[in-house]
C-alpha atoms as a PDB file:
ATOM      1  CA  MET A   1       0.000   0.000   0.000  1.00  0.00           C
ATOM      2  CA  ASN A   2       1.555   3.315  -1.035  1.00  0.00           C
ATOM      3  CA  GLU A   3       1.564   6.605   0.830  1.00  0.00           C
ATOM      4  CA  GLN A   4      -1.347   7.931  -1.204  1.00  0.00           C
ATOM      5  CA  ASP A   5      -3.523   5.030  -0.071  1.00  0.00           C
ATOM      6  CA  ASN A   6      -2.797   5.902   3.581  1.00  0.00           C
ATOM      7  CA  GLN A   7      -3.981   9.460   3.199  1.00  0.00           C
ATOM      8  CA  LEU A   8      -7.526  10.261   4.241  1.00  0.00           C
ATOM      9  CA  LYS A   9      -9.436  11.194   1.123  1.00  0.00           C
ATOM     10  CA  PRO A  10     -11.801  14.191   1.198  1.00  0.00           C
ATOM     11  CA  LEU A  11     -15.524  13.584   0.881  1.00  0.00           C
ATOM     12  CA  VAL A  12     -15.774  15.990  -2.047  1.00  0.00           C
ATOM     13  CA  ALA A  13     -13.259  16.515  -4.821  1.00  0.00           C
ATOM     14  CA  PRO A  14     -12.537  20.212  -5.400  1.00  0.00           C
ATOM     15  CA  CYS A  15     -13.883  21.818  -8.548  1.00  0.00           C
ATOM     16  CA  ARG A  16     -12.498  24.565 -10.739  1.00  0.00           C
ATOM     17  CA  SER A  17     -14.298  27.786 -11.640  1.00  0.00           C
ATOM     18  CA  LEU A  18     -15.474  27.535 -15.227  1.00  0.00           C
ATOM     19  CA  HIS A  19     -15.806  30.105 -17.965  1.00  0.00           C
ATOM     20  CA  PRO A  20     -19.504  30.617 -18.757  1.00  0.00           C
ATOM     21  CA  MET A  21     -18.946  29.462 -22.346  1.00  0.00           C
ATOM     22  CA  ALA A  22     -16.827  26.429 -21.446  1.00  0.00           C
ATOM     23  CA  ALA A  23     -19.449  24.123 -23.003  1.00  0.00           C
ATOM     24  CA  PHE A  24     -18.388  25.116 -26.512  1.00  0.00           C
ATOM     25  CA  SER A  25     -14.792  24.152 -25.771  1.00  0.00           C
ATOM     26  CA  TRP A  26     -15.999  20.755 -24.530  1.00  0.00           C
ATOM     27  CA  LEU A  27     -18.043  20.198 -27.666  1.00  0.00           C
ATOM     28  CA  LYS A  28     -15.039  21.101 -29.798  1.00  0.00           C
ATOM     29  CA  LYS A  29     -12.923  18.543 -27.934  1.00  0.00           C
ATOM     30  CA  GLY A  30     -15.749  16.023 -28.186  1.00  0.00           C
ATOM     31  CA  TRP A  31     -15.821  16.499 -31.951  1.00  0.00           C
ATOM     32  CA  ALA A  32     -12.049  15.937 -32.086  1.00  0.00           C
ATOM     33  CA  ASP A  33     -12.470  12.646 -30.189  1.00  0.00           C
ATOM     34  CA  PHE A  34     -15.336  11.671 -32.486  1.00  0.00           C
ATOM     35  CA  LYS A  35     -13.028  12.041 -35.484  1.00  0.00           C
ATOM     36  CA  GLN A  36     -10.401   9.845 -33.823  1.00  0.00           C
ATOM     37  CA  VAL A  37     -12.831   6.948 -33.318  1.00  0.00           C
ATOM     38  CA  PRO A  38     -15.465   7.548 -36.022  1.00  0.00           C
ATOM     39  CA  LYS A  39     -16.563   3.943 -36.514  1.00  0.00           C
ATOM     40  CA  ILE A  40     -17.288   3.267 -32.841  1.00  0.00           C
ATOM     41  CA  SER A  41     -18.851   6.694 -32.318  1.00  0.00           C
ATOM     42  CA  LEU A  42     -21.100   6.362 -35.351  1.00  0.00           C
ATOM     43  CA  THR A  43     -22.129   2.867 -34.263  1.00  0.00           C
ATOM     44  CA  TYR A  44     -23.143   4.249 -30.868  1.00  0.00           C
ATOM     45  CA  GLY A  45     -25.051   7.103 -32.505  1.00  0.00           C
ATOM     46  CA  PHE A  46     -26.794   4.735 -34.907  1.00  0.00           C
ATOM     47  CA  VAL A  47     -27.946   2.527 -32.022  1.00  0.00           C
ATOM     48  CA  MET A  48     -29.294   5.582 -30.193  1.00  0.00           C
ATOM     49  CA  MET A  49     -31.135   6.615 -33.339  1.00  0.00           C
ATOM     50  CA  LEU A  50     -32.719   3.165 -33.653  1.00  0.00           C
ATOM     51  CA  ILE A  51     -33.826   3.260 -30.004  1.00  0.00           C
ATOM     52  CA  SER A  52     -35.409   6.665 -30.591  1.00  0.00           C
ATOM     53  CA  VAL A  53     -37.248   5.384 -33.679  1.00  0.00           C
ATOM     54  CA  LEU A  54     -38.432   2.351 -31.716  1.00  0.00           C
ATOM     55  CA  ILE A  55     -39.774   4.560 -28.919  1.00  0.00           C
ATOM     56  CA  THR A  56     -41.666   6.669 -31.450  1.00  0.00           C
ATOM     57  CA  TRP A  57     -43.072   3.579 -33.149  1.00  0.00           C
ATOM     58  CA  VAL A  58     -44.265   2.080 -29.838  1.00  0.00           C
ATOM     59  CA  ALA A  59     -45.932   5.357 -28.873  1.00  0.00           C
ATOM     60  CA  TYR A  60     -47.568   5.628 -32.307  1.00  0.00           C
ATOM     61  CA  LYS A  61     -48.962   2.105 -32.065  1.00  0.00           C
ATOM     62  CA  ALA A  62     -50.265   2.869 -28.580  1.00  0.00           C
ATOM     63  CA  HIS A  63     -51.793   6.163 -29.799  1.00  0.00           C
ATOM     64  CA  SER A  64     -50.391   7.853 -26.700  1.00  0.00           C
ATOM     65  CA  ILE A  65     -48.357  11.040 -26.648  1.00  0.00           C
ATOM     66  CA  VAL A  66     -48.005  10.561 -22.892  1.00  0.00           C
ATOM     67  CA  LEU A  67     -46.231   7.254 -23.483  1.00  0.00           C
ATOM     68  CA  ALA A  68     -43.951   8.913 -26.037  1.00  0.00           C
ATOM     69  CA  ILE A  69     -42.998  11.638 -23.577  1.00  0.00           C
ATOM     70  CA  ALA A  70     -42.427   9.167 -20.744  1.00  0.00           C
ATOM     71  CA  LEU A  71     -40.302   6.804 -22.842  1.00  0.00           C
ATOM     72  CA  THR A  72     -38.267   9.637 -24.354  1.00  0.00           C
ATOM     73  CA  ALA A  73     -37.659  11.192 -20.957  1.00  0.00           C
ATOM     74  CA  GLY A  74     -36.631   7.830 -19.527  1.00  0.00           C
ATOM     75  CA  PHE A  75     -34.260   7.259 -22.433  1.00  0.00           C
ATOM     76  CA  PHE A  76     -32.464  10.533 -21.791  1.00  0.00           C
ATOM     77  CA  PHE A  77     -32.590  10.138 -18.007  1.00  0.00           C
ATOM     78  CA  LEU A  78     -30.487   7.021 -18.510  1.00  0.00           C
ATOM     79  CA  GLY A  79     -28.280   8.769 -21.072  1.00  0.00           C
ATOM     80  CA  PRO A  80     -25.317   9.346 -18.720  1.00  0.00           C
ATOM     81  CA  ILE A  81     -25.121   5.593 -18.113  1.00  0.00           C
ATOM     82  CA  ILE A  82     -25.646   4.679 -21.751  1.00  0.00           C
ATOM     83  CA  ALA A  83     -22.716   6.884 -22.812  1.00  0.00           C
ATOM     84  CA  ILE A  84     -20.207   5.205 -20.489  1.00  0.00           C
ATOM     85  CA  GLY A  85     -18.357   3.611 -23.415  1.00  0.00           C
ATOM     86  CA  LEU A  86     -17.806   7.034 -24.992  1.00  0.00           C
ATOM     87  CA  TYR A  87     -16.357   8.378 -21.745  1.00  0.00           C
ATOM     88  CA  SER A  88     -13.947   5.464 -21.719  1.00  0.00           C
ATOM     89  CA  LEU A  89     -12.825   6.117 -25.284  1.00  0.00           C
ATOM     90  CA  SER A  90     -12.187   9.817 -24.604  1.00  0.00           C
ATOM     91  CA  ARG A  91     -10.339   8.898 -21.410  1.00  0.00           C
ATOM     92  CA  GLN A  92      -8.040   6.579 -23.324  1.00  0.00           C
ATOM     93  CA  ILE A  93      -7.430   9.204 -26.011  1.00  0.00           C
ATOM     94  CA  SER A  94      -6.617  11.899 -23.433  1.00  0.00           C
ATOM     95  CA  HIS A  95      -4.061   9.571 -21.803  1.00  0.00           C
ATOM     96  CA  GLY A  96      -2.423   8.720 -25.106  1.00  0.00           C
ATOM     97  CA  VAL A  97      -3.677   5.116 -25.062  1.00  0.00           C
ATOM     98  CA  PRO A  98      -4.885   3.547 -28.347  1.00  0.00           C
ATOM     99  CA  PRO A  99      -8.684   3.642 -27.840  1.00  0.00           C
ATOM    100  CA  GLN A 100     -10.446   0.294 -27.555  1.00  0.00           C
ATOM    101  CA  PHE A 101     -14.157   0.102 -26.778  1.00  0.00           C
ATOM    102  CA  LEU A 102     -13.970  -3.100 -24.719  1.00  0.00           C
ATOM    103  CA  ARG A 103     -11.007  -2.035 -22.629  1.00  0.00           C
ATOM    104  CA  CYS A 104     -13.188  -0.403 -19.969  1.00  0.00           C
ATOM    105  CA  LEU A 105     -15.162  -3.645 -19.650  1.00  0.00           C
ATOM    106  CA  LYS A 106     -12.075  -5.847 -19.462  1.00  0.00           C
ATOM    107  CA  GLU A 107     -10.156  -3.729 -16.971  1.00  0.00           C
ATOM    108  CA  GLY A 108     -12.894  -1.786 -15.202  1.00  0.00           C
ATOM    109  CA  LYS A 109     -14.517  -4.601 -13.237  1.00  0.00           C
ATOM    110  CA  LYS A 110     -13.496  -3.038  -9.920  1.00  0.00           C
ATOM    111  CA  ASN A 111     -15.582   0.040 -10.727  1.00  0.00           C
ATOM    112  CA  LEU A 112     -18.557  -1.940 -11.977  1.00  0.00           C
ATOM    113  CA  GLY A 113     -20.202  -2.125  -8.542  1.00  0.00           C
ATOM    114  CA  ASN A 114     -20.161   1.642  -8.013  1.00  0.00           C
ATOM    115  CA  GLU A 115     -21.369   2.253 -11.549  1.00  0.00           C
ATOM    116  CA  MET A 116     -24.246  -0.181 -11.055  1.00  0.00           C
ATOM    117  CA  VAL A 117     -25.241   1.589  -7.814  1.00  0.00           C
ATOM    118  CA  LEU A 118     -25.399   4.875  -9.685  1.00  0.00           C
ATOM    119  CA  SER A 119     -27.322   3.250 -12.537  1.00  0.00           C
ATOM    120  CA  PHE A 120     -29.840   1.970 -10.003  1.00  0.00           C
ATOM    121  CA  MET A 121     -30.228   5.493  -8.595  1.00  0.00           C
ATOM    122  CA  PHE A 122     -30.976   6.829 -12.074  1.00  0.00           C
ATOM    123  CA  LEU A 123     -33.468   4.033 -12.647  1.00  0.00           C
ATOM    124  CA  ILE A 124     -35.274   4.921  -9.402  1.00  0.00           C
ATOM    125  CA  VAL A 125     -35.536   8.566 -10.481  1.00  0.00           C
ATOM    126  CA  PHE A 126     -36.898   7.457 -13.851  1.00  0.00           C
ATOM    127  CA  LEU A 127     -39.533   5.232 -12.240  1.00  0.00           C
ATOM    128  CA  ILE A 128     -40.615   8.087  -9.971  1.00  0.00           C
ATOM    129  CA  TRP A 129     -40.814  10.371 -12.996  1.00  0.00           C
ATOM    130  CA  ALA A 130     -42.872   7.793 -14.920  1.00  0.00           C
ATOM    131  CA  ARG A 131     -45.282   7.561 -11.992  1.00  0.00           C
ATOM    132  CA  ALA A 132     -45.503  11.339 -11.761  1.00  0.00           C
ATOM    133  CA  ALA A 133     -46.240  11.572 -15.495  1.00  0.00           C
ATOM    134  CA  SER A 134     -48.996   8.975 -15.129  1.00  0.00           C
ATOM    135  CA  MET A 135     -50.569  10.853 -12.217  1.00  0.00           C
ATOM    136  CA  LEU A 136     -50.348  14.125 -14.134  1.00  0.00           C
ATOM    137  CA  HIS A 137     -52.359  12.662 -16.992  1.00  0.00           C
ATOM    138  CA  ILE A 138     -55.204  11.777 -14.609  1.00  0.00           C
ATOM    139  CA  PHE A 139     -55.925  15.463 -14.015  1.00  0.00           C
ATOM    140  CA  PHE A 140     -56.507  16.192 -17.695  1.00  0.00           C
ATOM    141  CA  PRO A 141     -59.382  15.114 -19.951  1.00  0.00           C
ATOM    142  CA  SER A 142     -59.034  12.425 -22.565  1.00  0.00           C
ATOM    143  CA  GLN A 143     -56.666  13.334 -25.385  1.00  0.00           C
ATOM    144  CA  SER A 144     -59.513  13.021 -27.874  1.00  0.00           C
ATOM    145  CA  VAL A 145     -61.391  15.935 -26.287  1.00  0.00           C
ATOM    146  CA  MET A 146     -58.454  18.167 -25.307  1.00  0.00           C
ATOM    147  CA  ASN A 147     -58.439  21.594 -26.972  1.00  0.00           C
ATOM    148  CA  ASN A 148     -55.413  23.789 -27.656  1.00  0.00           C
ATOM    149  CA  SER A 149     -55.578  25.387 -24.225  1.00  0.00           C
ATOM    150  CA  ASP A 150     -55.671  21.993 -22.536  1.00  0.00           C
ATOM    151  CA  TRP A 151     -52.680  20.827 -24.555  1.00  0.00           C
ATOM    152  CA  LEU A 152     -50.645  23.932 -23.702  1.00  0.00           C
ATOM    153  CA  THR A 153     -51.418  23.514 -20.010  1.00  0.00           C
ATOM    154  CA  PHE A 154     -50.669  19.795 -20.103  1.00  0.00           C
ATOM    155  CA  LEU A 155     -47.371  20.233 -21.913  1.00  0.00           C
ATOM    156  CA  GLY A 156     -46.397  23.189 -19.739  1.00  0.00           C
ATOM    157  CA  VAL A 157     -47.024  21.376 -16.456  1.00  0.00           C
ATOM    158  CA  GLY A 158     -45.440  18.203 -17.827  1.00  0.00           C
ATOM    159  CA  THR A 159     -42.351  20.102 -18.925  1.00  0.00           C
ATOM    160  CA  LEU A 160     -42.044  21.722 -15.505  1.00  0.00           C
ATOM    161  CA  VAL A 161     -42.346  18.411 -13.661  1.00  0.00           C
ATOM    162  CA  GLY A 162     -40.000  16.679 -16.095  1.00  0.00           C
ATOM    163  CA  GLY A 163     -37.553  19.565 -15.804  1.00  0.00           C
ATOM    164  CA  ILE A 164     -37.305  19.067 -12.044  1.00  0.00           C
ATOM    165  CA  PHE A 165     -36.415  15.402 -12.468  1.00  0.00           C
ATOM    166  CA  ALA A 166     -34.051  16.212 -15.340  1.00  0.00           C
ATOM    167  CA  ALA A 167     -32.280  18.790 -13.157  1.00  0.00           C
ATOM    168  CA  ILE A 168     -31.750  16.156 -10.457  1.00  0.00           C
ATOM    169  CA  ILE A 169     -30.302  13.707 -12.969  1.00  0.00           C
ATOM    170  CA  PHE A 170     -28.121  16.408 -14.495  1.00  0.00           C
ATOM    171  CA  CYS A 171     -26.658  17.476 -11.146  1.00  0.00           C
ATOM    172  CA  VAL A 172     -25.985  13.886 -10.089  1.00  0.00           C
ATOM    173  CA  GLY A 173     -24.730  12.591 -13.423  1.00  0.00           C
ATOM    174  CA  ALA A 174     -22.830  15.567 -14.843  1.00  0.00           C
ATOM    175  CA  PHE A 175     -19.473  14.414 -13.469  1.00  0.00           C
ATOM    176  CA  SER A 176     -20.099  11.389 -11.243  1.00  0.00           C
ATOM    177  CA  ILE A 177     -19.893   8.630 -13.856  1.00  0.00           C
ATOM    178  CA  PRO A 178     -16.734   9.944 -15.549  1.00  0.00           C
ATOM    179  CA  MET A 179     -15.171  10.316 -12.096  1.00  0.00           C
ATOM    180  CA  LEU A 180     -16.075   6.739 -11.137  1.00  0.00           C
ATOM    181  CA  MET A 181     -14.453   5.550 -14.338  1.00  0.00           C
ATOM    182  CA  ASP A 182     -11.381   7.732 -14.020  1.00  0.00           C
ATOM    183  CA  ARG A 183     -10.501   7.308 -10.335  1.00  0.00           C
ATOM    184  CA  LYS A 184     -10.763   4.762  -7.553  1.00  0.00           C
ATOM    185  CA  VAL A 185     -13.561   6.581  -5.750  1.00  0.00           C
ATOM    186  CA  ASP A 186     -16.827   5.573  -4.086  1.00  0.00           C
ATOM    187  CA  THR A 187     -20.281   6.434  -5.416  1.00  0.00           C
ATOM    188  CA  VAL A 188     -21.176   8.847  -2.600  1.00  0.00           C
ATOM    189  CA  THR A 189     -18.075  10.965  -3.169  1.00  0.00           C
ATOM    190  CA  ALA A 190     -18.620  11.012  -6.942  1.00  0.00           C
ATOM    191  CA  VAL A 191     -22.261  12.069  -6.590  1.00  0.00           C
ATOM    192  CA  ILE A 192     -21.591  14.797  -4.009  1.00  0.00           C
ATOM    193  CA  THR A 193     -18.664  16.048  -6.097  1.00  0.00           C
ATOM    194  CA  SER A 194     -20.880  16.300  -9.170  1.00  0.00           C
ATOM    195  CA  ILE A 195     -23.670  18.163  -7.363  1.00  0.00           C
ATOM    196  CA  ASN A 196     -21.189  20.525  -5.721  1.00  0.00           C
ATOM    197  CA  ALA A 197     -19.477  21.323  -9.037  1.00  0.00           C
ATOM    198  CA  VAL A 198     -22.787  22.040 -10.786  1.00  0.00           C
ATOM    199  CA  LEU A 199     -23.987  24.333  -8.005  1.00  0.00           C
ATOM    200  CA  LYS A 200     -20.683  26.236  -7.933  1.00  0.00           C
ATOM    201  CA  ASN A 201     -20.697  26.770 -11.704  1.00  0.00           C
ATOM    202  CA  LYS A 202     -24.368  27.521 -12.298  1.00  0.00           C
ATOM    203  CA  VAL A 203     -23.958  29.719 -15.381  1.00  0.00           C
ATOM    204  CA  ALA A 204     -21.517  27.404 -17.154  1.00  0.00           C
ATOM    205  CA  MET A 205     -23.653  24.376 -16.308  1.00  0.00           C
ATOM    206  CA  LEU A 206     -26.808  26.130 -17.531  1.00  0.00           C
ATOM    207  CA  VAL A 207     -25.083  26.811 -20.846  1.00  0.00           C
ATOM    208  CA  TRP A 208     -23.899  23.191 -20.983  1.00  0.00           C
ATOM    209  CA  ALA A 209     -27.363  21.798 -20.238  1.00  0.00           C
ATOM    210  CA  SER A 210     -28.943  24.185 -22.745  1.00  0.00           C
ATOM    211  CA  SER A 211     -26.429  23.122 -25.387  1.00  0.00           C
ATOM    212  CA  ILE A 212     -27.352  19.486 -24.846  1.00  0.00           C
ATOM    213  CA  ILE A 213     -31.066  20.298 -25.094  1.00  0.00           C
ATOM    214  CA  VAL A 214     -30.542  22.245 -28.333  1.00  0.00           C
ATOM    215  CA  LEU A 215     -28.577  19.367 -29.872  1.00  0.00           C
ATOM    216  CA  ILE A 216     -31.297  16.908 -28.858  1.00  0.00           C
ATOM    217  CA  VAL A 217     -33.953  19.140 -30.425  1.00  0.00           C
ATOM    218  CA  VAL A 218     -31.875  19.332 -33.618  1.00  0.00           C
ATOM    219  CA  GLY A 219     -31.627  15.537 -33.589  1.00  0.00           C
ATOM    220  CA  ILE A 220     -35.393  15.169 -33.221  1.00  0.00           C
ATOM    221  CA  ALA A 221     -36.032  17.790 -35.917  1.00  0.00           C
ATOM    222  CA  THR A 222     -33.932  15.742 -38.363  1.00  0.00           C
ATOM    223  CA  PHE A 223     -36.107  12.686 -37.678  1.00  0.00           C
ATOM    224  CA  TYR A 224     -33.388  11.338 -35.346  1.00  0.00           C
ATOM    225  CA  LEU A 225     -30.733  11.224 -38.074  1.00  0.00           C
ATOM    226  CA  GLY A 226     -28.787  13.940 -36.263  1.00  0.00           C
ATOM    227  CA  PHE A 227     -28.451  11.653 -33.253  1.00  0.00           C
ATOM    228  CA  VAL A 228     -25.960   9.525 -35.195  1.00  0.00           C
ATOM    229  CA  VAL A 229     -23.381  12.296 -34.845  1.00  0.00           C
ATOM    230  CA  LEU A 230     -24.674  14.637 -32.140  1.00  0.00           C
ATOM    231  CA  LEU A 231     -25.124  12.153 -29.275  1.00  0.00           C
ATOM    232  CA  PRO A 232     -21.614  10.663 -29.588  1.00  0.00           C
ATOM    233  CA  VAL A 233     -20.114  14.164 -29.662  1.00  0.00           C
ATOM    234  CA  VAL A 234     -22.009  15.055 -26.470  1.00  0.00           C
ATOM    235  CA  GLY A 235     -20.793  11.827 -24.859  1.00  0.00           C
ATOM    236  CA  HIS A 236     -17.165  12.562 -25.697  1.00  0.00           C
ATOM    237  CA  ALA A 237     -17.583  16.189 -24.629  1.00  0.00           C
ATOM    238  CA  THR A 238     -18.897  15.077 -21.227  1.00  0.00           C
ATOM    239  CA  TRP A 239     -15.539  13.485 -20.466  1.00  0.00           C
ATOM    240  CA  HIS A 240     -13.763  16.778 -21.192  1.00  0.00           C
ATOM    241  CA  ALA A 241     -16.311  18.639 -19.069  1.00  0.00           C
ATOM    242  CA  TYR A 242     -15.347  16.398 -16.157  1.00  0.00           C
ATOM    243  CA  LYS A 243     -11.592  16.818 -16.708  1.00  0.00           C
ATOM    244  CA  ASP A 244     -11.856  20.603 -16.961  1.00  0.00           C
ATOM    245  CA  THR A 245     -14.087  20.867 -13.897  1.00  0.00           C
ATOM    246  CA  ILE A 246     -13.055  18.279 -11.297  1.00  0.00           C
ATOM    247  CA  ASP A 247      -9.660  18.090  -9.592  1.00  0.00           C
ATOM    248  CA  ALA A 248      -9.519  14.411  -8.644  1.00  0.00           C
ATOM    249  CA  ASP A 249      -5.761  14.118  -8.133  1.00  0.00           C
ATOM    250  CA  ALA A 250      -6.248  12.962  -4.533  1.00  0.00           C
ATOM    251  CA  TRP A 251      -7.530   9.614  -5.819  1.00  0.00           C
ATOM    252  CA  GLU A 252      -5.621   6.932  -7.687  1.00  0.00           C
ATOM    253  CA  ILE A 253      -6.035   6.463 -11.398  1.00  0.00           C
ATOM    254  CA  GLY A 254      -8.603   3.743 -12.027  1.00  0.00           C
ATOM    255  CA  PRO A 255      -8.306   0.751 -14.362  1.00  0.00           C
ATOM    256  CA  GLY A 256      -9.182   0.743 -18.022  1.00  0.00           C
ATOM    257  CA  LEU A 257      -6.111   2.290 -19.644  1.00  0.00           C
ATOM    258  CA  GLY A 258      -4.222  -0.885 -20.493  1.00  0.00           C
ATOM    259  CA  GLN A 259      -1.403   0.142 -18.190  1.00  0.00           C
ATOM    260  CA  THR A 260       0.499  -1.755 -15.511  1.00  0.00           C
ATOM    261  CA  ASP A 261      -0.318  -1.108 -11.845  1.00  0.00           C
ATOM    262  CA  ALA A 262       2.799   0.995 -11.526  1.00  0.00           C
ATOM    263  CA  LEU A 263       1.752   3.251 -14.363  1.00  0.00           C
ATOM    264  CA  ASN A 264      -1.817   3.392 -13.107  1.00  0.00           C
ATOM    265  CA  ASN A 265      -0.627   5.043  -9.906  1.00  0.00           C
ATOM    266  CA  GLN A 266       1.008   7.897 -11.823  1.00  0.00           C
ATOM    267  CA  GLU A 267      -0.843  11.148 -12.402  1.00  0.00           C
ATOM    268  CA  PHE A 268      -1.661  12.022 -15.999  1.00  0.00           C
ATOM    269  CA  ASP A 269      -2.398  15.448 -17.339  1.00  0.00           C
ATOM    270  CA  SER A 270      -5.823  15.869 -18.905  1.00  0.00           C
ATOM    271  CA  GLU A 271      -4.324  17.289 -22.058  1.00  0.00           C
END
């Protein structure tokens, strides 16, 4: 056990103060990573597009806009977990390691437990949101008799309720999953670190969240074709958001870089 292991780790990793427009730098870096691993990134984006089409098809067959909203929201609530492979690829690129998609699965088994705990937390939030959406629909008349005013009220209230749950997921997942992958850290520390960093950089995080929303809207407006490129870029950019925001040097480098234990204990620069 080395000297770093004997040191008492803080409960929260310190965060840096971000420029309000930092999101655009992250997206630029995400695009650069996308171009380094285009085949894997495009495959991920294509799968996300197919899932989106499937959700739309299921909702169409069920003749339920409520189901479409619930399924779409759930899909994006679980987005931070779904993009874990992209984080791993960007991590490998930033450390100068030839990127391999399966490396994080082969070498990251020690972090799997913490990642599953966080995934379960996200799933719980999604289930609560789904229940809230169902209860919300009870207070409105049948869709067949709803007029324009009813629809505006329904969508407005639904957006507000969904926004609250989305804000919770965003605060918890903004940096926690990349941190769990990058360092040997527990779930509680990663979650508190993420929430703390978001709250201390409200303007920059608002711009980042808004950028993600705009890209999602663009993807939907292109009949999901835009998701093939836009979602992978956001996934890669999320890794750079974490590296620019969180100072996690107090924790050891985690597995998944194809390095020996001796090299894993060294500190790497993010750039």
